[in-house]
Amino acid sequence: MSVSGLAGSPSGYCVHLPARSSRALDGRLCALPQLTISGRLIRLEGNCLGQLKSRYSRPRTHLIKCAMDASFGDSMNNQSDVFPRINIKDPHKRLGISTDASEGEIQAARNFLIQRYAGHKPSVDAIEEAHDKIIMQTFYERKRPKLNIKKKVNGITQSRYVQAVTNRFRTPSDSKFIVKTSVAFLLLGVLTVLFPTEEGPTLQVALSLVATIYFIYSRLKSKVRAFLYGGGAFIFSWLLGTFLMVSVVPPILKGPTSLEVTTSLLSYVLLWVASTYLK
């Protein structure tokens, strides 16, 4: 038949087979009419096949678009979540970092949380507040470093003068000797407190000097060193005790001879150290 100058064959037809994928379209049978335009034969198989492919590819494209919209929609909803540690007072625990975290770790934790909870302003404010507190605390610690007591003590004990003094003392190998000197000077202290005289504990102080010389001689087996060490320890202990009781330590005991008694007790302690540990 002829249509507006076009000649076609009525035997041309197209058979549609149901298919579930675009690859299955290649298996369709497509019989297309042969159209003659100005003496040229045009085959329309490709057009028919393209229309069928586009028809079956639309649902899949729509599904992909819906999946992408759902994915981005979830992320947008997550941005409006509430920061779970918003009410924690400790700034380090609020950001989820340790107290010794570096500046890079602090900044990374802040940036991550800000990006995660950007849709909730109170959460963002809480994160920024914790970050600012940590930064200010770090600044003040750098400006006023903490006093390392252990380091200071180690520096003092390892100094040359302290080492020279500590090298003059040694713990005796016989523990019974330590008990003997402790009992002797403890007894002198009790006698000084219980039987004070108007002149002061003169007898007890003299006995402490004798006991010091005796104990030093028992350890060193040298009379000269015993007299020198004993006399020197006795003078040093009384001078130090008098200075401390007059200038530093407030009166402990009451009575007219309280100063002499307290000074004697302090000197007994120093004499016990010299008698037991001086080498």
C-alpha atoms as a PDB file:
ATOM      1  CA  MET A   1       0.000   0.000   0.000  1.00  0.00           C
ATOM      2  CA  SER A   2       1.099   3.587  -0.387  1.00  0.00           C
ATOM      3  CA  VAL A   3       1.006   6.247   2.296  1.00  0.00           C
ATOM      4  CA  SER A   4       1.870   9.791   1.238  1.00  0.00           C
ATOM      5  CA  GLY A   5       4.329   8.695  -1.369  1.00  0.00           C
ATOM      6  CA  LEU A   6       5.792   5.927   0.868  1.00  0.00           C
ATOM      7  CA  ALA A   7       5.553   2.319  -0.211  1.00  0.00           C
ATOM      8  CA  GLY A   8       5.478  -0.394   2.427  1.00  0.00           C
ATOM      9  CA  SER A   9       5.025  -4.126   2.642  1.00  0.00           C
ATOM     10  CA  PRO A  10       2.016  -5.260   4.700  1.00  0.00           C
ATOM     11  CA  SER A  11       3.868  -8.428   5.611  1.00  0.00           C
ATOM     12  CA  GLY A  12       6.085  -6.523   8.016  1.00  0.00           C
ATOM     13  CA  TYR A  13       5.329  -7.252  11.678  1.00  0.00           C
ATOM     14  CA  CYS A  14       7.060  -7.155  15.061  1.00  0.00           C
ATOM     15  CA  VAL A  15       6.845  -9.919  17.677  1.00  0.00           C
ATOM     16  CA  HIS A  16       7.478  -8.823  21.310  1.00  0.00           C
ATOM     17  CA  LEU A  17       8.927 -11.448  23.659  1.00  0.00           C
ATOM     18  CA  PRO A  18       8.876 -10.711  27.424  1.00  0.00           C
ATOM     19  CA  ALA A  19      12.394 -10.267  28.760  1.00  0.00           C
ATOM     20  CA  ARG A  20      13.811  -9.397  32.253  1.00  0.00           C
ATOM     21  CA  SER A  21      17.036  -7.786  31.172  1.00  0.00           C
ATOM     22  CA  SER A  22      18.435  -5.693  28.366  1.00  0.00           C
ATOM     23  CA  ARG A  23      20.645  -8.588  27.280  1.00  0.00           C
ATOM     24  CA  ALA A  24      17.567 -10.685  26.563  1.00  0.00           C
ATOM     25  CA  LEU A  25      16.416  -8.105  24.040  1.00  0.00           C
ATOM     26  CA  ASP A  26      18.883  -9.518  21.600  1.00  0.00           C
ATOM     27  CA  GLY A  27      16.745 -12.628  21.521  1.00  0.00           C
ATOM     28  CA  ARG A  28      13.603 -10.788  20.346  1.00  0.00           C
ATOM     29  CA  LEU A  29      12.288 -11.457  16.896  1.00  0.00           C
ATOM     30  CA  CYS A  30      11.767  -8.244  15.110  1.00  0.00           C
ATOM     31  CA  ALA A  31      10.330  -8.213  11.578  1.00  0.00           C
ATOM     32  CA  LEU A  32      10.072  -4.715  10.343  1.00  0.00           C
ATOM     33  CA  PRO A  33       8.351  -3.312   7.261  1.00  0.00           C
ATOM     34  CA  GLN A  34      10.489  -2.359   4.366  1.00  0.00           C
ATOM     35  CA  LEU A  35       9.895   1.238   3.527  1.00  0.00           C
ATOM     36  CA  THR A  36      10.909   2.801   0.262  1.00  0.00           C
ATOM     37  CA  ILE A  37      11.706   6.497   0.274  1.00  0.00           C
ATOM     38  CA  SER A  38      12.838   7.972  -3.040  1.00  0.00           C
ATOM     39  CA  GLY A  39      13.970   4.593  -4.222  1.00  0.00           C
ATOM     40  CA  ARG A  40      16.071   3.841  -1.110  1.00  0.00           C
ATOM     41  CA  LEU A  41      15.441   0.912   1.165  1.00  0.00           C
ATOM     42  CA  ILE A  42      15.650   1.687   4.851  1.00  0.00           C
ATOM     43  CA  ARG A  43      15.693  -0.989   7.505  1.00  0.00           C
ATOM     44  CA  LEU A  44      14.345  -0.051  10.885  1.00  0.00           C
ATOM     45  CA  GLU A  45      15.525  -3.013  12.897  1.00  0.00           C
ATOM     46  CA  GLY A  46      17.934  -0.844  14.912  1.00  0.00           C
ATOM     47  CA  ASN A  47      15.216   1.683  15.759  1.00  0.00           C
ATOM     48  CA  CYS A  48      12.866  -0.993  16.995  1.00  0.00           C
ATOM     49  CA  LEU A  49      15.574  -2.625  19.067  1.00  0.00           C
ATOM     50  CA  GLY A  50      16.608   0.750  20.564  1.00  0.00           C
ATOM     51  CA  GLN A  51      13.015   1.554  21.545  1.00  0.00           C
ATOM     52  CA  LEU A  52      12.638  -1.783  23.253  1.00  0.00           C
ATOM     53  CA  LYS A  53      15.916  -1.401  25.134  1.00  0.00           C
ATOM     54  CA  SER A  54      15.016   2.088  26.311  1.00  0.00           C
ATOM     55  CA  ARG A  55      11.590   0.830  27.452  1.00  0.00           C
ATOM     56  CA  TYR A  56      13.103  -1.901  29.630  1.00  0.00           C
ATOM     57  CA  SER A  57      16.022   0.159  30.878  1.00  0.00           C
ATOM     58  CA  ARG A  58      13.834   2.892  32.356  1.00  0.00           C
ATOM     59  CA  PRO A  59      12.701   0.914  35.408  1.00  0.00           C
ATOM     60  CA  ARG A  60      16.276  -0.012  36.265  1.00  0.00           C
ATOM     61  CA  THR A  61      17.454   3.608  35.965  1.00  0.00           C
ATOM     62  CA  HIS A  62      14.562   4.642  38.140  1.00  0.00           C
ATOM     63  CA  LEU A  63      15.506   2.043  40.754  1.00  0.00           C
ATOM     64  CA  ILE A  64      19.127   3.219  40.811  1.00  0.00           C
ATOM     65  CA  LYS A  65      18.001   6.809  41.206  1.00  0.00           C
ATOM     66  CA  CYS A  66      15.691   5.845  44.067  1.00  0.00           C
ATOM     67  CA  ALA A  67      18.499   3.938  45.799  1.00  0.00           C
ATOM     68  CA  MET A  68      20.829   6.932  45.535  1.00  0.00           C
ATOM     69  CA  ASP A  69      18.153   9.256  46.853  1.00  0.00           C
ATOM     70  CA  ALA A  70      17.539   6.932  49.781  1.00  0.00           C
ATOM     71  CA  SER A  71      21.256   6.736  50.570  1.00  0.00           C
ATOM     72  CA  PHE A  72      21.790  10.485  50.534  1.00  0.00           C
ATOM     73  CA  GLY A  73      18.561  10.972  52.399  1.00  0.00           C
ATOM     74  CA  ASP A  74      19.817   8.722  55.236  1.00  0.00           C
ATOM     75  CA  SER A  75      23.040  10.648  55.510  1.00  0.00           C
ATOM     76  CA  MET A  76      21.133  13.876  55.699  1.00  0.00           C
ATOM     77  CA  ASN A  77      18.964  12.466  58.449  1.00  0.00           C
ATOM     78  CA  ASN A  78      22.070  11.291  60.342  1.00  0.00           C
ATOM     79  CA  GLN A  79      23.411  14.819  60.335  1.00  0.00           C
ATOM     80  CA  SER A  80      20.514  15.884  62.515  1.00  0.00           C
ATOM     81  CA  ASP A  81      21.277  13.238  65.176  1.00  0.00           C
ATOM     82  CA  VAL A  82      21.976  14.372  68.744  1.00  0.00           C
ATOM     83  CA  PHE A  83      25.528  14.044  70.058  1.00  0.00           C
ATOM     84  CA  PRO A  84      25.299  11.199  72.630  1.00  0.00           C
ATOM     85  CA  ARG A  85      27.991  12.678  74.941  1.00  0.00           C
ATOM     86  CA  ILE A  86      26.559  16.177  74.938  1.00  0.00           C
ATOM     87  CA  ASN A  87      26.008  16.222  78.749  1.00  0.00           C
ATOM     88  CA  ILE A  88      29.417  14.817  79.782  1.00  0.00           C
ATOM     89  CA  LYS A  89      31.352  17.462  81.724  1.00  0.00           C
ATOM     90  CA  ASP A  90      34.872  16.120  81.163  1.00  0.00           C
ATOM     91  CA  PRO A  91      36.007  17.676  77.850  1.00  0.00           C
ATOM     92  CA  HIS A  92      38.331  14.781  77.032  1.00  0.00           C
ATOM     93  CA  LYS A  93      35.607  12.191  77.566  1.00  0.00           C
ATOM     94  CA  ARG A  94      33.152  14.323  75.600  1.00  0.00           C
ATOM     95  CA  LEU A  95      35.429  14.294  72.563  1.00  0.00           C
ATOM     96  CA  GLY A  96      36.356  10.651  73.119  1.00  0.00           C
ATOM     97  CA  ILE A  97      40.111  11.190  73.499  1.00  0.00           C
ATOM     98  CA  SER A  98      42.652  10.487  76.242  1.00  0.00           C
ATOM     99  CA  THR A  99      44.089  13.130  78.564  1.00  0.00           C
ATOM    100  CA  ASP A 100      47.515  12.871  76.930  1.00  0.00           C
ATOM    101  CA  ALA A 101      46.222  13.246  73.361  1.00  0.00           C
ATOM    102  CA  SER A 102      48.270  15.393  70.991  1.00  0.00           C
ATOM    103  CA  GLU A 103      47.032  18.573  69.349  1.00  0.00           C
ATOM    104  CA  GLY A 104      46.554  16.721  66.082  1.00  0.00           C
ATOM    105  CA  GLU A 105      44.370  14.093  67.732  1.00  0.00           C
ATOM    106  CA  ILE A 106      42.310  16.762  69.491  1.00  0.00           C
ATOM    107  CA  GLN A 107      41.752  18.661  66.257  1.00  0.00           C
ATOM    108  CA  ALA A 108      40.929  15.475  64.321  1.00  0.00           C
ATOM    109  CA  ALA A 109      38.339  14.419  66.921  1.00  0.00           C
ATOM    110  CA  ARG A 110      36.769  17.874  66.857  1.00  0.00           C
ATOM    111  CA  ASN A 111      36.552  18.013  63.046  1.00  0.00           C
ATOM    112  CA  PHE A 112      35.077  14.523  62.815  1.00  0.00           C
ATOM    113  CA  LEU A 113      32.378  15.202  65.392  1.00  0.00           C
ATOM    114  CA  ILE A 114      31.519  18.610  63.921  1.00  0.00           C
ATOM    115  CA  GLN A 115      31.052  17.030  60.505  1.00  0.00           C
ATOM    116  CA  ARG A 116      29.063  14.140  61.949  1.00  0.00           C
ATOM    117  CA  TYR A 117      26.598  16.261  63.971  1.00  0.00           C
ATOM    118  CA  ALA A 118      26.571  19.416  61.843  1.00  0.00           C
ATOM    119  CA  GLY A 119      22.768  19.382  61.611  1.00  0.00           C
ATOM    120  CA  HIS A 120      22.233  19.733  65.389  1.00  0.00           C
ATOM    121  CA  LYS A 121      23.378  23.098  66.768  1.00  0.00           C
ATOM    122  CA  PRO A 122      23.443  22.154  70.508  1.00  0.00           C
ATOM    123  CA  SER A 123      25.669  19.200  69.653  1.00  0.00           C
ATOM    124  CA  VAL A 124      28.015  21.414  67.671  1.00  0.00           C
ATOM    125  CA  ASP A 125      28.152  23.925  70.550  1.00  0.00           C
ATOM    126  CA  ALA A 126      28.976  21.157  73.045  1.00  0.00           C
ATOM    127  CA  ILE A 127      31.778  19.837  70.824  1.00  0.00           C
ATOM    128  CA  GLU A 128      33.241  23.314  70.339  1.00  0.00           C
ATOM    129  CA  GLU A 129      33.060  24.021  74.067  1.00  0.00           C
ATOM    130  CA  ALA A 130      34.956  20.837  74.934  1.00  0.00           C
ATOM    131  CA  HIS A 131      37.568  21.589  72.282  1.00  0.00           C
ATOM    132  CA  ASP A 132      38.095  25.140  73.586  1.00  0.00           C
ATOM    133  CA  LYS A 133      38.469  23.914  77.183  1.00  0.00           C
ATOM    134  CA  ILE A 134      41.138  21.394  76.225  1.00  0.00           C
ATOM    135  CA  ILE A 135      43.067  23.977  74.198  1.00  0.00           C
ATOM    136  CA  MET A 136      42.980  26.528  77.045  1.00  0.00           C
ATOM    137  CA  GLN A 137      44.009  23.909  79.584  1.00  0.00           C
ATOM    138  CA  THR A 138      46.962  22.918  77.406  1.00  0.00           C
ATOM    139  CA  PHE A 139      47.949  26.575  77.067  1.00  0.00           C
ATOM    140  CA  TYR A 140      47.970  27.160  80.836  1.00  0.00           C
ATOM    141  CA  GLU A 141      49.920  23.957  81.467  1.00  0.00           C
ATOM    142  CA  ARG A 142      52.590  25.099  79.040  1.00  0.00           C
ATOM    143  CA  LYS A 143      52.690  28.539  80.616  1.00  0.00           C
ATOM    144  CA  ARG A 144      52.890  27.174  84.159  1.00  0.00           C
ATOM    145  CA  PRO A 145      54.425  23.683  84.046  1.00  0.00           C
ATOM    146  CA  LYS A 146      53.693  21.319  86.914  1.00  0.00           C
ATOM    147  CA  LEU A 147      56.304  20.824  89.613  1.00  0.00           C
ATOM    148  CA  ASN A 148      57.831  17.386  89.287  1.00  0.00           C
ATOM    149  CA  ILE A 149      58.527  16.537  92.930  1.00  0.00           C
ATOM    150  CA  LYS A 150      60.115  13.200  92.136  1.00  0.00           C
ATOM    151  CA  LYS A 151      62.544  14.817  89.721  1.00  0.00           C
ATOM    152  CA  LYS A 152      63.430  17.526  92.258  1.00  0.00           C
ATOM    153  CA  VAL A 153      64.077  14.964  95.000  1.00  0.00           C
ATOM    154  CA  ASN A 154      66.245  12.873  92.684  1.00  0.00           C
ATOM    155  CA  GLY A 155      68.213  15.986  91.751  1.00  0.00           C
ATOM    156  CA  ILE A 156      68.830  16.823  95.410  1.00  0.00           C
ATOM    157  CA  THR A 157      69.772  13.301  96.459  1.00  0.00           C
ATOM    158  CA  GLN A 158      72.163  12.927  93.533  1.00  0.00           C
ATOM    159  CA  SER A 159      73.974  16.194  94.218  1.00  0.00           C
ATOM    160  CA  ARG A 160      77.617  16.030  95.225  1.00  0.00           C
ATOM    161  CA  TYR A 161      77.143  17.386  98.757  1.00  0.00           C
ATOM    162  CA  VAL A 162      74.271  15.076  99.609  1.00  0.00           C
ATOM    163  CA  GLN A 163      76.173  12.110  98.237  1.00  0.00           C
ATOM    164  CA  ALA A 164      79.163  13.052 100.389  1.00  0.00           C
ATOM    165  CA  VAL A 165      76.959  13.102 103.513  1.00  0.00           C
ATOM    166  CA  THR A 166      75.040   9.890 102.766  1.00  0.00           C
ATOM    167  CA  ASN A 167      78.284   8.041 102.044  1.00  0.00           C
ATOM    168  CA  ARG A 168      79.246   8.586 105.699  1.00  0.00           C
ATOM    169  CA  PHE A 169      76.388   6.385 106.869  1.00  0.00           C
ATOM    170  CA  ARG A 170      75.920   2.649 106.604  1.00  0.00           C
ATOM    171  CA  THR A 171      73.281   0.261 107.896  1.00  0.00           C
ATOM    172  CA  PRO A 172      74.814  -2.269 110.326  1.00  0.00           C
ATOM    173  CA  SER A 173      74.597  -5.900 109.354  1.00  0.00           C
ATOM    174  CA  ASP A 174      73.558  -6.944 112.870  1.00  0.00           C
ATOM    175  CA  SER A 175      69.918  -6.026 113.487  1.00  0.00           C
ATOM    176  CA  LYS A 176      70.355  -6.635 117.237  1.00  0.00           C
ATOM    177  CA  PHE A 177      72.739  -3.691 117.403  1.00  0.00           C
ATOM    178  CA  ILE A 178      70.000  -1.400 116.033  1.00  0.00           C
ATOM    179  CA  VAL A 179      67.606  -2.673 118.701  1.00  0.00           C
ATOM    180  CA  LYS A 180      70.225  -2.120 121.435  1.00  0.00           C
ATOM    181  CA  THR A 181      70.907   1.520 120.511  1.00  0.00           C
ATOM    182  CA  SER A 182      67.184   2.215 120.063  1.00  0.00           C
ATOM    183  CA  VAL A 183      66.354   0.915 123.550  1.00  0.00           C
ATOM    184  CA  ALA A 184      69.202   2.870 125.145  1.00  0.00           C
ATOM    185  CA  PHE A 185      68.256   6.274 123.732  1.00  0.00           C
ATOM    186  CA  LEU A 186      64.538   5.623 124.214  1.00  0.00           C
ATOM    187  CA  LEU A 187      65.215   4.976 127.894  1.00  0.00           C
ATOM    188  CA  LEU A 188      67.192   8.234 128.143  1.00  0.00           C
ATOM    189  CA  GLY A 189      64.261  10.095 126.599  1.00  0.00           C
ATOM    190  CA  VAL A 190      61.783   8.626 129.089  1.00  0.00           C
ATOM    191  CA  LEU A 191      64.054   9.528 132.030  1.00  0.00           C
ATOM    192  CA  THR A 192      64.446  13.077 130.704  1.00  0.00           C
ATOM    193  CA  VAL A 193      60.669  13.615 130.486  1.00  0.00           C
ATOM    194  CA  LEU A 194      59.764  11.934 133.783  1.00  0.00           C
ATOM    195  CA  PHE A 195      62.554  13.370 135.961  1.00  0.00           C
ATOM    196  CA  PRO A 196      63.314  16.909 134.882  1.00  0.00           C
ATOM    197  CA  THR A 197      65.392  18.997 137.268  1.00  0.00           C
ATOM    198  CA  GLU A 198      65.648  22.736 137.797  1.00  0.00           C
ATOM    199  CA  GLU A 199      69.034  22.808 136.092  1.00  0.00           C
ATOM    200  CA  GLY A 200      67.764  20.717 133.199  1.00  0.00           C
ATOM    201  CA  PRO A 201      68.445  17.093 132.237  1.00  0.00           C
ATOM    202  CA  THR A 202      72.175  17.366 132.821  1.00  0.00           C
ATOM    203  CA  LEU A 203      72.729  13.741 133.885  1.00  0.00           C
ATOM    204  CA  GLN A 204      70.738  12.302 131.003  1.00  0.00           C
ATOM    205  CA  VAL A 205      72.621  14.444 128.498  1.00  0.00           C
ATOM    206  CA  ALA A 206      75.964  13.267 129.891  1.00  0.00           C
ATOM    207  CA  LEU A 207      74.799   9.652 129.668  1.00  0.00           C
ATOM    208  CA  SER A 208      73.795  10.209 126.026  1.00  0.00           C
ATOM    209  CA  LEU A 209      77.343  11.355 125.195  1.00  0.00           C
ATOM    210  CA  VAL A 210      78.838   8.295 126.882  1.00  0.00           C
ATOM    211  CA  ALA A 211      76.389   5.984 125.098  1.00  0.00           C
ATOM    212  CA  THR A 212      77.211   7.539 121.725  1.00  0.00           C
ATOM    213  CA  ILE A 213      80.964   7.054 122.177  1.00  0.00           C
ATOM    214  CA  TYR A 214      80.457   3.482 123.372  1.00  0.00           C
ATOM    215  CA  PHE A 215      78.232   2.437 120.469  1.00  0.00           C
ATOM    216  CA  ILE A 216      80.502   4.024 117.860  1.00  0.00           C
ATOM    217  CA  TYR A 217      83.510   2.253 119.350  1.00  0.00           C
ATOM    218  CA  SER A 218      81.566  -1.046 119.293  1.00  0.00           C
ATOM    219  CA  ARG A 219      81.103  -0.735 115.542  1.00  0.00           C
ATOM    220  CA  LEU A 220      84.339   0.908 114.375  1.00  0.00           C
ATOM    221  CA  LYS A 221      86.728  -0.604 116.934  1.00  0.00           C
ATOM    222  CA  SER A 222      88.703   2.650 117.055  1.00  0.00           C
ATOM    223  CA  LYS A 223      88.942   4.796 120.182  1.00  0.00           C
ATOM    224  CA  VAL A 224      90.100   7.904 118.322  1.00  0.00           C
ATOM    225  CA  ARG A 225      87.300   7.802 115.812  1.00  0.00           C
ATOM    226  CA  ALA A 226      84.830   6.963 118.580  1.00  0.00           C
ATOM    227  CA  PHE A 227      85.784  10.070 120.598  1.00  0.00           C
ATOM    228  CA  LEU A 228      85.918  12.320 117.521  1.00  0.00           C
ATOM    229  CA  TYR A 229      82.655  11.102 116.031  1.00  0.00           C
ATOM    230  CA  GLY A 230      80.910  10.966 119.387  1.00  0.00           C
ATOM    231  CA  GLY A 231      82.011  14.461 120.467  1.00  0.00           C
ATOM    232  CA  GLY A 232      81.255  15.969 117.052  1.00  0.00           C
ATOM    233  CA  ALA A 233      77.797  14.364 116.874  1.00  0.00           C
ATOM    234  CA  PHE A 234      77.037  15.565 120.423  1.00  0.00           C
ATOM    235  CA  ILE A 235      77.945  19.189 119.669  1.00  0.00           C
ATOM    236  CA  PHE A 236      76.167  19.205 116.296  1.00  0.00           C
ATOM    237  CA  SER A 237      72.984  17.672 117.721  1.00  0.00           C
ATOM    238  CA  TRP A 238      72.752  20.222 120.541  1.00  0.00           C
ATOM    239  CA  LEU A 239      73.405  23.198 118.286  1.00  0.00           C
ATOM    240  CA  LEU A 240      70.857  22.024 115.715  1.00  0.00           C
ATOM    241  CA  GLY A 241      68.300  21.133 118.393  1.00  0.00           C
ATOM    242  CA  THR A 242      68.642  24.520 120.084  1.00  0.00           C
ATOM    243  CA  PHE A 243      68.275  26.368 116.785  1.00  0.00           C
ATOM    244  CA  LEU A 244      65.186  24.411 115.792  1.00  0.00           C
ATOM    245  CA  MET A 245      63.472  24.749 119.166  1.00  0.00           C
ATOM    246  CA  VAL A 246      64.151  28.468 119.399  1.00  0.00           C
ATOM    247  CA  SER A 247      63.495  29.537 115.798  1.00  0.00           C
ATOM    248  CA  VAL A 248      61.400  26.881 114.068  1.00  0.00           C
ATOM    249  CA  VAL A 249      59.550  24.402 116.288  1.00  0.00           C
ATOM    250  CA  PRO A 250      56.994  25.852 118.751  1.00  0.00           C
ATOM    251  CA  PRO A 251      57.158  24.752 122.410  1.00  0.00           C
ATOM    252  CA  ILE A 252      55.785  21.235 122.886  1.00  0.00           C
ATOM    253  CA  LEU A 253      56.146  20.676 126.634  1.00  0.00           C
ATOM    254  CA  LYS A 254      55.144  23.020 129.445  1.00  0.00           C
ATOM    255  CA  GLY A 255      57.273  24.016 132.388  1.00  0.00           C
ATOM    256  CA  PRO A 256      60.328  26.124 133.213  1.00  0.00           C
ATOM    257  CA  THR A 257      62.688  23.585 131.623  1.00  0.00           C
ATOM    258  CA  SER A 258      60.539  22.719 128.589  1.00  0.00           C
ATOM    259  CA  LEU A 259      63.102  24.174 126.155  1.00  0.00           C
ATOM    260  CA  GLU A 260      65.968  22.097 127.614  1.00  0.00           C
ATOM    261  CA  VAL A 261      63.873  18.924 127.722  1.00  0.00           C
ATOM    262  CA  THR A 262      62.649  19.262 124.147  1.00  0.00           C
ATOM    263  CA  THR A 263      66.127  20.083 122.872  1.00  0.00           C
ATOM    264  CA  SER A 264      67.468  17.009 124.705  1.00  0.00           C
ATOM    265  CA  LEU A 265      64.878  14.754 123.067  1.00  0.00           C
ATOM    266  CA  LEU A 266      65.782  16.055 119.619  1.00  0.00           C
ATOM    267  CA  SER A 267      69.495  15.609 120.292  1.00  0.00           C
ATOM    268  CA  TYR A 268      68.873  12.013 121.380  1.00  0.00           C
ATOM    269  CA  VAL A 269      67.402  11.270 117.988  1.00  0.00           C
ATOM    270  CA  LEU A 270      70.446  12.683 116.182  1.00  0.00           C
ATOM    271  CA  LEU A 271      72.844  10.871 118.531  1.00  0.00           C
ATOM    272  CA  TRP A 272      71.008   7.594 117.907  1.00  0.00           C
ATOM    273  CA  VAL A 273      71.498   8.047 114.160  1.00  0.00           C
ATOM    274  CA  ALA A 274      75.206   8.757 114.640  1.00  0.00           C
ATOM    275  CA  SER A 275      75.665   5.806 117.015  1.00  0.00           C
ATOM    276  CA  THR A 276      73.889   3.350 114.752  1.00  0.00           C
ATOM    277  CA  TYR A 277      74.657   4.344 111.156  1.00  0.00           C
ATOM    278  CA  LEU A 278      77.774   6.591 111.127  1.00  0.00           C
ATOM    279  CA  LYS A 279      80.763   4.835 109.557  1.00  0.00           C
END
